[in-house]
PDB file of all heavy atoms in Angstrom:
ATOM      1  N   GLY A   1     247.084-111.874  55.342  1.00  0.00           N
ATOM      2  CA  GLY A   1     246.332-110.738  55.858  1.00  0.00           C
ATOM      3  C   GLY A   1     245.089-111.087  56.648  1.00  0.00           C
ATOM      4  O   GLY A   1     244.391-110.202  57.130  1.00  0.00           O
ATOM      5  N   VAL A   2     244.763-112.387  56.788  1.00  0.00           N
ATOM      6  CA  VAL A   2     243.556-112.770  57.510  1.00  0.00           C
ATOM      7  C   VAL A   2     243.747-112.617  59.019  1.00  0.00           C
ATOM      8  O   VAL A   2     242.865-112.123  59.726  1.00  0.00           O
ATOM      9  CB  VAL A   2     243.147-114.222  57.168  1.00  0.00           C
ATOM     10  CG1 VAL A   2     241.852-114.593  57.884  1.00  0.00           C
ATOM     11  CG2 VAL A   2     242.994-114.392  55.659  1.00  0.00           C
ATOM     12  N   ALA A   3     244.905-113.037  59.526  1.00  0.00           N
ATOM     13  CA  ALA A   3     245.145-112.985  60.972  1.00  0.00           C
ATOM     14  C   ALA A   3     245.071-111.554  61.498  1.00  0.00           C
ATOM     15  O   ALA A   3     244.593-111.325  62.614  1.00  0.00           O
ATOM     16  CB  ALA A   3     246.509-113.598  61.306  1.00  0.00           C
ATOM     17  N   GLY A   4     245.532-110.596  60.687  1.00  0.00           N
ATOM     18  CA  GLY A   4     245.460-109.204  61.120  1.00  0.00           C
ATOM     19  C   GLY A   4     244.032-108.732  61.276  1.00  0.00           C
ATOM     20  O   GLY A   4     243.678-108.048  62.252  1.00  0.00           O
ATOM     21  N   VAL A   5     243.162-109.102  60.326  1.00  0.00           N
ATOM     22  CA  VAL A   5     241.756-108.706  60.397  1.00  0.00           C
ATOM     23  C   VAL A   5     241.065-109.408  61.563  1.00  0.00           C
ATOM     24  O   VAL A   5     240.244-108.819  62.271  1.00  0.00           O
ATOM     25  CB  VAL A   5     241.045-109.014  59.066  1.00  0.00           C
ATOM     26  CG1 VAL A   5     239.556-108.721  59.161  1.00  0.00           C
ATOM     27  CG2 VAL A   5     241.664-108.203  57.932  1.00  0.00           C
ATOM     28  N   GLU A   6     241.389-110.693  61.786  1.00  0.00           N
ATOM     29  CA  GLU A   6     240.816-111.423  62.910  1.00  0.00           C
ATOM     30  C   GLU A   6     241.256-110.804  64.247  1.00  0.00           C
ATOM     31  O   GLU A   6     240.484-110.768  65.203  1.00  0.00           O
ATOM     32  CB  GLU A   6     241.225-112.897  62.852  1.00  0.00           C
ATOM     33  CG  GLU A   6     240.560-113.687  61.746  1.00  0.00           C
ATOM     34  CD  GLU A   6     239.068-113.900  61.997  1.00  0.00           C
ATOM     35  OE1 GLU A   6     238.652-113.906  63.172  1.00  0.00           O
ATOM     36  OE2 GLU A   6     238.323-114.069  61.024  1.00  0.00           O
ATOM     37  N   THR A   7     242.470-110.313  64.294  1.00  0.00           N
ATOM     38  CA  THR A   7     242.937-109.626  65.506  1.00  0.00           C
ATOM     39  C   THR A   7     242.118-108.365  65.738  1.00  0.00           C
ATOM     40  O   THR A   7     241.658-108.096  66.859  1.00  0.00           O
ATOM     41  CB  THR A   7     244.430-109.261  65.378  1.00  0.00           C
ATOM     42  OG1 THR A   7     245.201-110.455  65.196  1.00  0.00           O
ATOM     43  CG2 THR A   7     244.919-108.536  66.618  1.00  0.00           C
ATOM     44  N   LEU A   8     241.926-107.589  64.673  1.00  0.00           N
ATOM     45  CA  LEU A   8     241.124-106.366  64.799  1.00  0.00           C
ATOM     46  C   LEU A   8     239.705-106.675  65.255  1.00  0.00           C
ATOM     47  O   LEU A   8     239.117-105.938  66.047  1.00  0.00           O
ATOM     48  CB  LEU A   8     241.087-105.615  63.469  1.00  0.00           C
ATOM     49  CG  LEU A   8     242.115-104.515  63.245  1.00  0.00           C
ATOM     50  CD1 LEU A   8     241.771-103.726  61.990  1.00  0.00           C
ATOM     51  CD2 LEU A   8     242.220-103.576  64.436  1.00  0.00           C
ATOM     52  N   LYS A   9     239.137-107.768  64.726  1.00  0.00           N
ATOM     53  CA  LYS A   9     237.781-108.149  65.145  1.00  0.00           C
ATOM     54  C   LYS A   9     237.712-108.273  66.666  1.00  0.00           C
ATOM     55  O   LYS A   9     236.760-107.787  67.299  1.00  0.00           O
ATOM     56  CB  LYS A   9     237.398-109.487  64.511  1.00  0.00           C
ATOM     57  CG  LYS A   9     236.070-110.048  65.001  1.00  0.00           C
ATOM     58  CD  LYS A   9     235.949-111.541  64.716  1.00  0.00           C
ATOM     59  CE  LYS A   9     236.823-112.355  65.655  1.00  0.00           C
ATOM     60  NZ  LYS A   9     236.674-113.814  65.460  1.00  0.00           N
ATOM     61  N   ASN A  10     238.734-108.905  67.244  1.00  0.00           N
ATOM     62  CA  ASN A  10     238.745-109.130  68.692  1.00  0.00           C
ATOM     63  C   ASN A  10     239.108-107.883  69.494  1.00  0.00           C
ATOM     64  O   ASN A  10     239.085-107.914  70.723  1.00  0.00           O
ATOM     65  CB  ASN A  10     239.727-110.261  69.026  1.00  0.00           C
ATOM     66  CG  ASN A  10     239.249-111.596  68.502  1.00  0.00           C
ATOM     67  OD1 ASN A  10     238.152-112.032  68.790  1.00  0.00           O
ATOM     68  ND2 ASN A  10     240.080-112.242  67.699  1.00  0.00           N
ATOM     69  N   LEU A  11     239.438-106.809  68.815  1.00  0.00           N
ATOM     70  CA  LEU A  11     239.647-105.520  69.475  1.00  0.00           C
ATOM     71  C   LEU A  11     238.460-104.594  69.268  1.00  0.00           C
ATOM     72  O   LEU A  11     238.143-103.769  70.134  1.00  0.00           O
ATOM     73  CB  LEU A  11     240.925-104.859  68.940  1.00  0.00           C
ATOM     74  CG  LEU A  11     242.224-105.622  69.183  1.00  0.00           C
ATOM     75  CD1 LEU A  11     243.396-104.877  68.552  1.00  0.00           C
ATOM     76  CD2 LEU A  11     242.474-105.833  70.667  1.00  0.00           C
ATOM     77  N   VAL A  12     237.794-104.741  68.130  1.00  0.00           N
ATOM     78  CA  VAL A  12     236.603-103.928  67.863  1.00  0.00           C
ATOM     79  C   VAL A  12     235.465-104.335  68.792  1.00  0.00           C
ATOM     80  O   VAL A  12     234.749-103.491  69.335  1.00  0.00           O
ATOM     81  CB  VAL A  12     236.181-104.071  66.382  1.00  0.00           C
ATOM     82  CG1 VAL A  12     234.802-103.469  66.149  1.00  0.00           C
ATOM     83  CG2 VAL A  12     237.206-103.395  65.469  1.00  0.00           C
ATOM     84  N   LEU A  13     235.289-105.630  68.997  1.00  0.00           N
ATOM     85  CA  LEU A  13     234.179-106.100  69.835  1.00  0.00           C
ATOM     86  C   LEU A  13     234.233-105.551  71.258  1.00  0.00           C
ATOM     87  O   LEU A  13     233.210-105.101  71.781  1.00  0.00           O
ATOM     88  CB  LEU A  13     234.148-107.630  69.842  1.00  0.00           C
ATOM     89  CG  LEU A  13     233.670-108.276  68.532  1.00  0.00           C
ATOM     90  CD1 LEU A  13     233.879-109.775  68.561  1.00  0.00           C
ATOM     91  CD2 LEU A  13     232.196-107.961  68.295  1.00  0.00           C
ATOM     92  N   PRO A  14     235.385-105.542  71.944  1.00  0.00           N
ATOM     93  CA  PRO A  14     235.419-104.966  73.296  1.00  0.00           C
ATOM     94  C   PRO A  14     235.481-103.445  73.317  1.00  0.00           C
ATOM     95  O   PRO A  14     235.435-102.853  74.387  1.00  0.00           O
ATOM     96  CB  PRO A  14     236.676-105.580  73.915  1.00  0.00           C
ATOM     97  CG  PRO A  14     237.556-105.890  72.770  1.00  0.00           C
ATOM     98  CD  PRO A  14     236.637-106.273  71.650  1.00  0.00           C
ATOM     99  N   GLY A  15     235.610-102.803  72.150  1.00  0.00           N
ATOM    100  CA  GLY A  15     235.432-101.353  72.117  1.00  0.00           C
ATOM    101  C   GLY A  15     236.671-100.496  72.105  1.00  0.00           C
ATOM    102  O   GLY A  15     236.741 -99.511  72.837  1.00  0.00           O
ATOM    103  N   ILE A  16     237.678-100.814  71.242  1.00  0.00           N
ATOM    104  CA  ILE A  16     238.770 -99.856  71.073  1.00  0.00           C
ATOM    105  C   ILE A  16     238.198 -98.571  70.495  1.00  0.00           C
ATOM    106  O   ILE A  16     237.124 -98.570  69.886  1.00  0.00           O
ATOM    107  CB  ILE A  16     239.886-100.397  70.146  1.00  0.00           C
ATOM    108  CG1 ILE A  16     239.314-100.807  68.781  1.00  0.00           C
ATOM    109  CG2 ILE A  16     240.643-101.519  70.799  1.00  0.00           C
ATOM    110  CD1 ILE A  16     240.366-101.127  67.750  1.00  0.00           C
ATOM    111  N   GLY A  17     238.920 -97.473  70.670  1.00  0.00           N
ATOM    112  CA  GLY A  17     238.406 -96.194  70.191  1.00  0.00           C
ATOM    113  C   GLY A  17     238.273 -96.149  68.687  1.00  0.00           C
ATOM    114  O   GLY A  17     237.217 -95.799  68.146  1.00  0.00           O
ATOM    115  N   SER A  18     239.337 -96.537  67.974  1.00  0.00           N
ATOM    116  CA  SER A  18     239.305 -96.511  66.511  1.00  0.00           C
ATOM    117  C   SER A  18     240.432 -97.361  65.973  1.00  0.00           C
ATOM    118  O   SER A  18     241.346 -97.765  66.706  1.00  0.00           O
ATOM    119  CB  SER A  18     239.431 -95.074  65.990  1.00  0.00           C
ATOM    120  OG  SER A  18     240.689 -94.515  66.377  1.00  0.00           O
ATOM    121  N   PHE A  19     240.374 -97.622  64.685  1.00  0.00           N
ATOM    122  CA  PHE A  19     241.428 -98.389  64.020  1.00  0.00           C
ATOM    123  C   PHE A  19     241.644 -97.846  62.621  1.00  0.00           C
ATOM    124  O   PHE A  19     240.773 -97.190  62.043  1.00  0.00           O
ATOM    125  CB  PHE A  19     241.083 -99.888  63.975  1.00  0.00           C
ATOM    126  CG  PHE A  19     239.878-100.211  63.137  1.00  0.00           C
ATOM    127  CD1 PHE A  19     239.983-100.432  61.765  1.00  0.00           C
ATOM    128  CD2 PHE A  19     238.616-100.307  63.720  1.00  0.00           C
ATOM    129  CE1 PHE A  19     238.867-100.730  60.994  1.00  0.00           C
ATOM    130  CE2 PHE A  19     237.485-100.601  62.954  1.00  0.00           C
ATOM    131  CZ  PHE A  19     237.615-100.816  61.592  1.00  0.00           C
ATOM    132  N   THR A  20     242.828 -98.121  62.088  1.00  0.00           N
ATOM    133  CA  THR A  20     243.164 -97.758  60.714  1.00  0.00           C
ATOM    134  C   THR A  20     243.728 -98.994  60.036  1.00  0.00           C
ATOM    135  O   THR A  20     244.618 -99.655  60.582  1.00  0.00           O
ATOM    136  CB  THR A  20     244.214 -96.636  60.667  1.00  0.00           C
ATOM    137  OG1 THR A  20     243.747 -95.507  61.404  1.00  0.00           O
ATOM    138  CG2 THR A  20     244.496 -96.222  59.226  1.00  0.00           C
ATOM    139  N   ILE A  21     243.231 -99.317  58.858  1.00  0.00           N
ATOM    140  CA  ILE A  21     243.760-100.438  58.074  1.00  0.00           C
ATOM    141  C   ILE A  21     244.508 -99.877  56.876  1.00  0.00           C
ATOM    142  O   ILE A  21     243.951 -99.097  56.096  1.00  0.00           O
ATOM    143  CB  ILE A  21     242.630-101.369  57.578  1.00  0.00           C
ATOM    144  CG1 ILE A  21     241.868-101.959  58.761  1.00  0.00           C
ATOM    145  CG2 ILE A  21     243.201-102.485  56.705  1.00  0.00           C
ATOM    146  CD1 ILE A  21     240.675-102.824  58.342  1.00  0.00           C
ATOM    147  N   VAL A  22     245.779-100.245  56.746  1.00  0.00           N
ATOM    148  CA  VAL A  22     246.575 -99.886  55.579  1.00  0.00           C
ATOM    149  C   VAL A  22     246.809-101.163  54.787  1.00  0.00           C
ATOM    150  O   VAL A  22     247.431-102.111  55.276  1.00  0.00           O
ATOM    151  CB  VAL A  22     247.924 -99.257  55.992  1.00  0.00           C
ATOM    152  CG1 VAL A  22     248.799 -99.032  54.756  1.00  0.00           C
ATOM    153  CG2 VAL A  22     247.691 -97.951  56.726  1.00  0.00           C
ATOM    154  N   ASP A  23     246.272-101.224  53.573  1.00  0.00           N
ATOM    155  CA  ASP A  23     246.345-102.448  52.772  1.00  0.00           C
ATOM    156  C   ASP A  23     246.166-102.069  51.303  1.00  0.00           C
ATOM    157  O   ASP A  23     245.076-101.673  50.880  1.00  0.00           O
ATOM    158  CB  ASP A  23     245.240-103.412  53.221  1.00  0.00           C
ATOM    159  CG  ASP A  23     245.370-104.784  52.570  1.00  0.00           C
ATOM    160  OD1 ASP A  23     246.133-104.923  51.604  1.00  0.00           O
ATOM    161  OD2 ASP A  23     244.668-105.717  53.036  1.00  0.00           O
ATOM    162  N   PRO A  24     247.224-102.171  50.476  1.00  0.00           N
ATOM    163  CA  PRO A  24     247.108-101.790  49.062  1.00  0.00           C
ATOM    164  C   PRO A  24     246.457-102.853  48.187  1.00  0.00           C
ATOM    165  O   PRO A  24     246.234-102.618  46.994  1.00  0.00           O
ATOM    166  CB  PRO A  24     248.571-101.563  48.655  1.00  0.00           C
ATOM    167  CG  PRO A  24     249.343-102.485  49.558  1.00  0.00           C
ATOM    168  CD  PRO A  24     248.604-102.509  50.859  1.00  0.00           C
ATOM    169  N   ALA A  25     246.132-104.026  48.753  1.00  0.00           N
ATOM    170  CA  ALA A  25     245.610-105.130  47.951  1.00  0.00           C
ATOM    171  C   ALA A  25     244.159-104.890  47.542  1.00  0.00           C
ATOM    172  O   ALA A  25     243.415-104.152  48.201  1.00  0.00           O
ATOM    173  CB  ALA A  25     245.723-106.440  48.733  1.00  0.00           C
ATOM    174  N   THR A  26     243.756-105.523  46.447  1.00  0.00           N
ATOM    175  CA  THR A  26     242.352-105.560  46.041  1.00  0.00           C
ATOM    176  C   THR A  26     241.813-106.963  46.308  1.00  0.00           C
ATOM    177  O   THR A  26     242.568-107.944  46.361  1.00  0.00           O
ATOM    178  CB  THR A  26     242.185-105.224  44.551  1.00  0.00           C
ATOM    179  OG1 THR A  26     243.003-106.116  43.773  1.00  0.00           O
ATOM    180  CG2 THR A  26     242.602-103.794  44.271  1.00  0.00           C
ATOM    181  N   VAL A  27     240.508-107.054  46.463  1.00  0.00           N
ATOM    182  CA  VAL A  27     239.887-108.321  46.841  1.00  0.00           C
ATOM    183  C   VAL A  27     239.823-109.257  45.642  1.00  0.00           C
ATOM    184  O   VAL A  27     239.384-108.878  44.552  1.00  0.00           O
ATOM    185  CB  VAL A  27     238.472-108.083  47.399  1.00  0.00           C
ATOM    186  CG1 VAL A  27     237.826-109.409  47.799  1.00  0.00           C
ATOM    187  CG2 VAL A  27     238.518-107.134  48.586  1.00  0.00           C
ATOM    188  N   THR A  28     240.286-110.499  45.860  1.00  0.00           N
ATOM    189  CA  THR A  28     240.260-111.536  44.821  1.00  0.00           C
ATOM    190  C   THR A  28     239.383-112.690  45.276  1.00  0.00           C
ATOM    191  O   THR A  28     238.926-112.742  46.426  1.00  0.00           O
ATOM    192  CB  THR A  28     241.682-112.054  44.556  1.00  0.00           C
ATOM    193  OG1 THR A  28     242.160-112.722  45.740  1.00  0.00           O
ATOM    194  CG2 THR A  28     242.638-110.917  44.201  1.00  0.00           C
ATOM    195  N   GLU A  29     239.158-113.641  44.380  1.00  0.00           N
ATOM    196  CA  GLU A  29     238.381-114.833  44.724  1.00  0.00           C
ATOM    197  C   GLU A  29     239.042-115.593  45.872  1.00  0.00           C
ATOM    198  O   GLU A  29     238.358-116.155  46.735  1.00  0.00           O
ATOM    199  CB  GLU A  29     238.263-115.753  43.500  1.00  0.00           C
ATOM    200  CG  GLU A  29     237.360-115.227  42.400  1.00  0.00           C
ATOM    201  CD  GLU A  29     235.880-115.442  42.715  1.00  0.00           C
ATOM    202  OE1 GLU A  29     235.580-116.028  43.778  1.00  0.00           O
ATOM    203  OE2 GLU A  29     235.042-114.996  41.921  1.00  0.00           O
ATOM    204  N   ALA A  30     240.358-115.630  45.865  1.00  0.00           N
ATOM    205  CA  ALA A  30     241.072-116.347  46.937  1.00  0.00           C
ATOM    206  C   ALA A  30     240.780-115.727  48.297  1.00  0.00           C
ATOM    207  O   ALA A  30     240.675-116.432  49.309  1.00  0.00           O
ATOM    208  CB  ALA A  30     242.574-116.337  46.655  1.00  0.00           C
ATOM    209  N   ASP A  31     240.633-114.408  48.341  1.00  0.00           N
ATOM    210  CA  ASP A  31     240.313-113.739  49.604  1.00  0.00           C
ATOM    211  C   ASP A  31     238.987-114.230  50.174  1.00  0.00           C
ATOM    212  O   ASP A  31     238.843-114.425  51.380  1.00  0.00           O
ATOM    213  CB  ASP A  31     240.236-112.221  49.411  1.00  0.00           C
ATOM    214  CG  ASP A  31     241.596-111.574  49.292  1.00  0.00           C
ATOM    215  OD1 ASP A  31     242.359-111.641  50.258  1.00  0.00           O
ATOM    216  OD2 ASP A  31     241.879-111.002  48.232  1.00  0.00           O
ATOM    217  N   LEU A  32     238.014-114.411  49.294  1.00  0.00           N
ATOM    218  CA  LEU A  32     236.675-114.775  49.757  1.00  0.00           C
ATOM    219  C   LEU A  32     236.661-116.139  50.428  1.00  0.00           C
ATOM    220  O   LEU A  32     235.791-116.421  51.264  1.00  0.00           O
ATOM    221  CB  LEU A  32     235.683-114.767  48.585  1.00  0.00           C
ATOM    222  CG  LEU A  32     235.526-113.447  47.824  1.00  0.00           C
ATOM    223  CD1 LEU A  32     234.436-113.576  46.759  1.00  0.00           C
ATOM    224  CD2 LEU A  32     235.195-112.307  48.775  1.00  0.00           C
ATOM    225  N   GLY A  33     237.612-116.998  50.080  1.00  0.00           N
ATOM    226  CA  GLY A  33     237.639-118.336  50.662  1.00  0.00           C
ATOM    227  C   GLY A  33     238.200-118.398  52.063  1.00  0.00           C
ATOM    228  O   GLY A  33     237.981-119.388  52.766  1.00  0.00           O
ATOM    229  N   VAL A  34     238.917-117.345  52.495  1.00  0.00           N
ATOM    230  CA  VAL A  34     239.569-117.416  53.804  1.00  0.00           C
ATOM    231  C   VAL A  34     239.263-116.229  54.705  1.00  0.00           C
ATOM    232  O   VAL A  34     239.501-116.283  55.911  1.00  0.00           O
ATOM    233  CB  VAL A  34     241.110-117.525  53.655  1.00  0.00           C
ATOM    234  CG1 VAL A  34     241.497-118.857  53.045  1.00  0.00           C
ATOM    235  CG2 VAL A  34     241.668-116.368  52.828  1.00  0.00           C
ATOM    236  N   ASN A  35     238.731-115.146  54.153  1.00  0.00           N
ATOM    237  CA  ASN A  35     238.491-113.944  54.948  1.00  0.00           C
ATOM    238  C   ASN A  35     236.991-113.729  55.116  1.00  0.00           C
ATOM    239  O   ASN A  35     236.285-113.402  54.163  1.00  0.00           O
ATOM    240  CB  ASN A  35     239.126-112.727  54.263  1.00  0.00           C
ATOM    241  CG  ASN A  35     239.184-111.520  55.179  1.00  0.00           C
ATOM    242  OD1 ASN A  35     238.346-111.341  56.056  1.00  0.00           O
ATOM    243  ND2 ASN A  35     240.180-110.669  54.967  1.00  0.00           N
ATOM    244  N   PHE A  36     236.486-113.930  56.336  1.00  0.00           N
ATOM    245  CA  PHE A  36     235.053-113.801  56.588  1.00  0.00           C
ATOM    246  C   PHE A  36     234.582-112.349  56.613  1.00  0.00           C
ATOM    247  O   PHE A  36     233.380-112.100  56.704  1.00  0.00           O
ATOM    248  CB  PHE A  36     234.700-114.467  57.919  1.00  0.00           C
ATOM    249  CG  PHE A  36     234.670-115.970  57.852  1.00  0.00           C
ATOM    250  CD1 PHE A  36     235.096-116.646  56.724  1.00  0.00           C
ATOM    251  CD2 PHE A  36     234.212-116.709  58.928  1.00  0.00           C
ATOM    252  CE1 PHE A  36     235.077-118.030  56.660  1.00  0.00           C
ATOM    253  CE2 PHE A  36     234.185-118.099  58.881  1.00  0.00           C
ATOM    254  CZ  PHE A  36     234.615-118.767  57.739  1.00  0.00           C
ATOM    255  N   PHE A  37     235.502-111.408  56.539  1.00  0.00           N
ATOM    256  CA  PHE A  37     235.119-109.999  56.532  1.00  0.00           C
ATOM    257  C   PHE A  37     235.178-109.418  55.120  1.00  0.00           C
ATOM    258  O   PHE A  37     235.458-108.243  54.924  1.00  0.00           O
ATOM    259  CB  PHE A  37     235.991-109.212  57.505  1.00  0.00           C
ATOM    260  CG  PHE A  37     235.651-109.518  58.935  1.00  0.00           C
ATOM    261  CD1 PHE A  37     236.324-110.506  59.615  1.00  0.00           C
ATOM    262  CD2 PHE A  37     234.616-108.861  59.575  1.00  0.00           C
ATOM    263  CE1 PHE A  37     235.988-110.827  60.925  1.00  0.00           C
ATOM    264  CE2 PHE A  37     234.275-109.169  60.881  1.00  0.00           C
ATOM    265  CZ  PHE A  37     234.962-110.159  61.560  1.00  0.00           C
ATOM    266  N   LEU A  38     234.893-110.283  54.159  1.00  0.00           N
ATOM    267  CA  LEU A  38     234.726-109.881  52.763  1.00  0.00           C
ATOM    268  C   LEU A  38     233.554-110.678  52.202  1.00  0.00           C
ATOM    269  O   LEU A  38     233.292-111.800  52.655  1.00  0.00           O
ATOM    270  CB  LEU A  38     235.999-110.172  51.959  1.00  0.00           C
ATOM    271  CG  LEU A  38     237.264-109.404  52.372  1.00  0.00           C
ATOM    272  CD1 LEU A  38     238.486-109.966  51.655  1.00  0.00           C
ATOM    273  CD2 LEU A  38     237.117-107.920  52.080  1.00  0.00           C
ATOM    274  N   ASP A  39     232.851-110.127  51.216  1.00  0.00           N
ATOM    275  CA  ASP A  39     231.755-110.869  50.586  1.00  0.00           C
ATOM    276  C   ASP A  39     231.856-110.731  49.069  1.00  0.00           C
ATOM    277  O   ASP A  39     232.766-110.071  48.547  1.00  0.00           O
ATOM    278  CB  ASP A  39     230.397-110.396  51.109  1.00  0.00           C
ATOM    279  CG  ASP A  39     230.181-108.891  50.962  1.00  0.00           C
ATOM    280  OD1 ASP A  39     230.727-108.309  49.996  1.00  0.00           O
ATOM    281  OD2 ASP A  39     229.496-108.293  51.808  1.00  0.00           O
ATOM    282  N   GLN A  40     230.919-111.351  48.377  1.00  0.00           N
ATOM    283  CA  GLN A  40     230.971-111.390  46.910  1.00  0.00           C
ATOM    284  C   GLN A  40     230.991-109.994  46.312  1.00  0.00           C
ATOM    285  O   GLN A  40     231.649-109.751  45.293  1.00  0.00           O
ATOM    286  CB  GLN A  40     229.759-112.172  46.389  1.00  0.00           C
ATOM    287  CG  GLN A  40     229.858-112.556  44.920  1.00  0.00           C
ATOM    288  CD  GLN A  40     230.913-113.629  44.678  1.00  0.00           C
ATOM    289  OE1 GLN A  40     231.191-114.444  45.547  1.00  0.00           O
ATOM    290  NE2 GLN A  40     231.515-113.608  43.488  1.00  0.00           N
ATOM    291  N   ASP A  41     230.292-109.067  46.948  1.00  0.00           N
ATOM    292  CA  ASP A  41     230.253-107.695  46.419  1.00  0.00           C
ATOM    293  C   ASP A  41     231.587-106.974  46.579  1.00  0.00           C
ATOM    294  O   ASP A  41     231.778-105.888  46.021  1.00  0.00           O
ATOM    295  CB  ASP A  41     229.169-106.891  47.139  1.00  0.00           C
ATOM    296  CG  ASP A  41     227.767-107.397  46.818  1.00  0.00           C
ATOM    297  OD1 ASP A  41     227.611-108.023  45.754  1.00  0.00           O
ATOM    298  OD2 ASP A  41     226.853-107.176  47.637  1.00  0.00           O
ATOM    299  N   SER A  42     232.517-107.570  47.363  1.00  0.00           N
ATOM    300  CA  SER A  42     233.811-106.926  47.597  1.00  0.00           C
ATOM    301  C   SER A  42     234.803-107.167  46.473  1.00  0.00           C
ATOM    302  O   SER A  42     235.855-106.501  46.418  1.00  0.00           O
ATOM    303  CB  SER A  42     234.418-107.444  48.915  1.00  0.00           C
ATOM    304  OG  SER A  42     233.563-107.213  50.008  1.00  0.00           O
ATOM    305  N   LEU A  43     234.525-108.125  45.601  1.00  0.00           N
ATOM    306  CA  LEU A  43     235.475-108.494  44.545  1.00  0.00           C
ATOM    307  C   LEU A  43     235.925-107.274  43.745  1.00  0.00           C
ATOM    308  O   LEU A  43     235.104-106.458  43.311  1.00  0.00           O
ATOM    309  CB  LEU A  43     234.854-109.514  43.599  1.00  0.00           C
ATOM    310  CG  LEU A  43     234.928-110.981  44.035  1.00  0.00           C
ATOM    311  CD1 LEU A  43     234.156-111.852  43.062  1.00  0.00           C
ATOM    312  CD2 LEU A  43     236.385-111.435  44.118  1.00  0.00           C
TER     313      LEU A  43
END
């Protein structure tokens, strides 16, 4: 799921109108090691 978020980052910066994220997962420790768009408070 990291590549999808990184793709969105590169669409948000140039100004797409809006986006929707569908993701049933909850944030784990493993997520924090590879996804820069999550932080400790997201656990």
